């Protein structure tokens, strides 16, 4: 490889990280979040359809294992596992982020209204 060819190859390698780390990171993060949300809704819908005949209220009541009217992070992780969302390493992060987004009353749980408005309404 000549010095000119090597220099051009080195320039390309340097250019790639700059492109990835440039001003497009917010757009990339937004696209990733939208993709994650679409994956979540699709997988939950498939699981609710298969296990509960499409009845989101039955699914909610099933995963509210302690019957306190809200799905906790642990209960949500169980639902995510059965829906095939994430893996054993990432499921806790998924659950935290979902609760952060859906928990409109700040109690750390997802109530039926919150669950319905985010997941069942788009079914």
Protein backbone atom coordinates (compact mmCIF):
# COMPACT_ATOMS: atom_id res chain seq x y z
CA UNK A 1 0.00 0.00 0.00
CA UNK A 2 1.45 3.35 -0.99
CA UNK A 3 1.70 6.24 1.44
CA UNK A 4 -1.00 8.11 -0.51
CA UNK A 5 -3.43 5.15 -0.33
CA UNK A 6 -2.65 4.63 3.36
CA UNK A 7 -3.26 8.33 4.07
CA UNK A 8 -6.63 8.23 2.27
CA UNK A 9 -7.64 5.13 4.22
CA UNK A 10 -6.63 6.84 7.47
CA UNK A 11 -8.64 9.94 6.54
CA UNK A 12 -11.74 7.82 5.91
CA UNK A 13 -11.36 6.08 9.27
CA UNK A 14 -11.09 9.45 11.01
CA UNK A 15 -14.09 10.82 9.13
CA UNK A 16 -16.45 8.01 10.20
CA UNK A 17 -16.46 8.74 13.95
CA UNK A 18 -16.85 12.46 13.30
CA UNK A 19 -19.93 11.76 11.20
CA UNK A 20 -21.43 9.46 13.82
CA UNK A 21 -20.62 11.83 16.66
CA UNK A 22 -21.75 14.93 14.78
CA UNK A 23 -24.92 16.94 15.21
CA UNK A 24 -27.15 14.03 14.17
CA UNK A 25 -26.99 12.23 17.54
CA UNK A 26 -30.29 13.71 18.79
CA UNK A 27 -32.02 12.51 15.64
CA UNK A 28 -30.44 9.07 16.04
CA UNK A 29 -31.53 8.90 19.69
CA UNK A 30 -35.06 9.97 18.76
CA UNK A 31 -35.29 7.38 16.00
CA UNK A 32 -34.02 4.73 18.43
CA UNK A 33 -36.61 5.71 21.06
CA UNK A 34 -39.39 5.58 18.46
CA UNK A 35 -38.14 2.19 17.32
CA UNK A 36 -38.05 0.91 20.92
CA UNK A 37 -41.59 2.17 21.53
CA UNK A 38 -42.86 0.53 18.34
CA UNK A 39 -41.16 -2.74 19.34
CA UNK A 40 -42.69 -2.57 22.82
CA UNK A 41 -46.21 -1.94 21.52
CA UNK A 42 -45.98 -4.65 18.86
CA UNK A 43 -44.65 -7.28 21.25
CA UNK A 44 -47.12 -6.43 24.02
CA UNK A 45 -49.98 -6.49 21.53
CA UNK A 46 -48.90 -9.92 20.24
CA UNK A 47 -48.63 -11.27 23.79
CA UNK A 48 -51.98 -9.81 24.88
CA UNK A 49 -53.63 -11.22 21.77
CA UNK A 50 -52.11 -14.68 22.27
CA UNK A 51 -52.56 -14.99 26.05
CA UNK A 52 -55.61 -12.83 26.78
CA UNK A 53 -57.57 -12.81 23.53
CA UNK A 54 -56.70 -9.14 23.02
CA UNK A 55 -58.21 -8.11 26.37
CA UNK A 56 -55.77 -5.52 27.74
CA UNK A 57 -57.70 -5.14 31.01
CA UNK A 58 -57.37 -8.88 31.69
CA UNK A 59 -53.67 -8.64 30.89
CA UNK A 60 -53.28 -5.65 33.22
CA UNK A 61 -55.07 -7.45 36.06
CA UNK A 62 -52.93 -10.56 35.51
CA UNK A 63 -49.64 -8.66 35.75
CA UNK A 64 -50.85 -6.63 38.74
CA UNK A 65 -49.91 -9.68 40.81
CA UNK A 66 -50.48 -8.06 44.21
CA UNK A 67 -53.82 -6.55 43.05
CA UNK A 68 -52.99 -3.09 44.34
CA UNK A 69 -54.26 -1.40 41.17
CA UNK A 70 -50.85 -0.70 39.67
CA UNK A 71 -48.11 -2.58 37.85
CA UNK A 72 -44.82 -2.17 39.71
CA UNK A 73 -41.38 -2.38 38.12
CA UNK A 74 -41.06 -6.05 39.11
CA UNK A 75 -44.50 -6.88 37.74
CA UNK A 76 -43.70 -4.97 34.56
CA UNK A 77 -40.46 -6.92 34.13
CA UNK A 78 -42.51 -10.12 34.27
CA UNK A 79 -44.84 -8.80 31.56
CA UNK A 80 -41.90 -7.70 29.41
CA UNK A 81 -40.30 -11.12 29.78
CA UNK A 82 -43.45 -12.89 28.63
CA UNK A 83 -43.80 -10.45 25.73
CA UNK A 84 -40.20 -11.07 24.66
CA UNK A 85 -39.10 -7.47 25.22
CA UNK A 86 -35.44 -7.00 26.07
CA UNK A 87 -33.40 -9.67 27.81
CA UNK A 88 -32.42 -10.53 31.35
CA UNK A 89 -29.73 -7.82 31.30
CA UNK A 90 -31.78 -5.00 29.72
CA UNK A 91 -35.28 -5.68 31.03
CA UNK A 92 -34.80 -3.61 34.20
CA UNK A 93 -33.82 -0.59 32.12
CA UNK A 94 -36.81 -1.14 29.84
CA UNK A 95 -39.12 -1.28 32.89
CA UNK A 96 -37.61 1.86 34.46
CA UNK A 97 -37.92 3.86 31.24
CA UNK A 98 -41.49 2.67 30.63
CA UNK A 99 -42.58 3.62 34.15
CA UNK A 100 -40.78 6.96 33.82
CA UNK A 101 -42.74 7.69 30.64
CA UNK A 102 -46.14 6.26 31.56
CA UNK A 103 -46.44 7.07 35.28
CA UNK A 104 -48.35 10.33 35.10
CA UNK A 105 -49.26 10.46 38.80
CA UNK A 106 -45.73 9.80 40.07
CA UNK A 107 -46.53 6.77 42.26
CA UNK A 108 -43.84 4.60 40.64
CA UNK A 109 -46.41 2.25 39.15
CA UNK A 110 -48.49 2.07 36.01
CA UNK A 111 -52.19 2.40 36.76
CA UNK A 112 -54.85 1.01 34.40
CA UNK A 113 -55.59 4.43 32.87
CA UNK A 114 -51.90 5.02 32.17
CA UNK A 115 -51.51 1.52 30.73
CA UNK A 116 -54.62 1.85 28.61
CA UNK A 117 -53.72 5.27 27.21
CA UNK A 118 -50.22 4.19 26.18
CA UNK A 119 -50.63 0.56 25.14
CA UNK A 120 -54.26 -0.50 24.78
CA UNK A 121 -55.38 2.63 22.93
CA UNK A 122 -52.92 1.94 20.12
CA UNK A 123 -53.83 -1.72 19.77
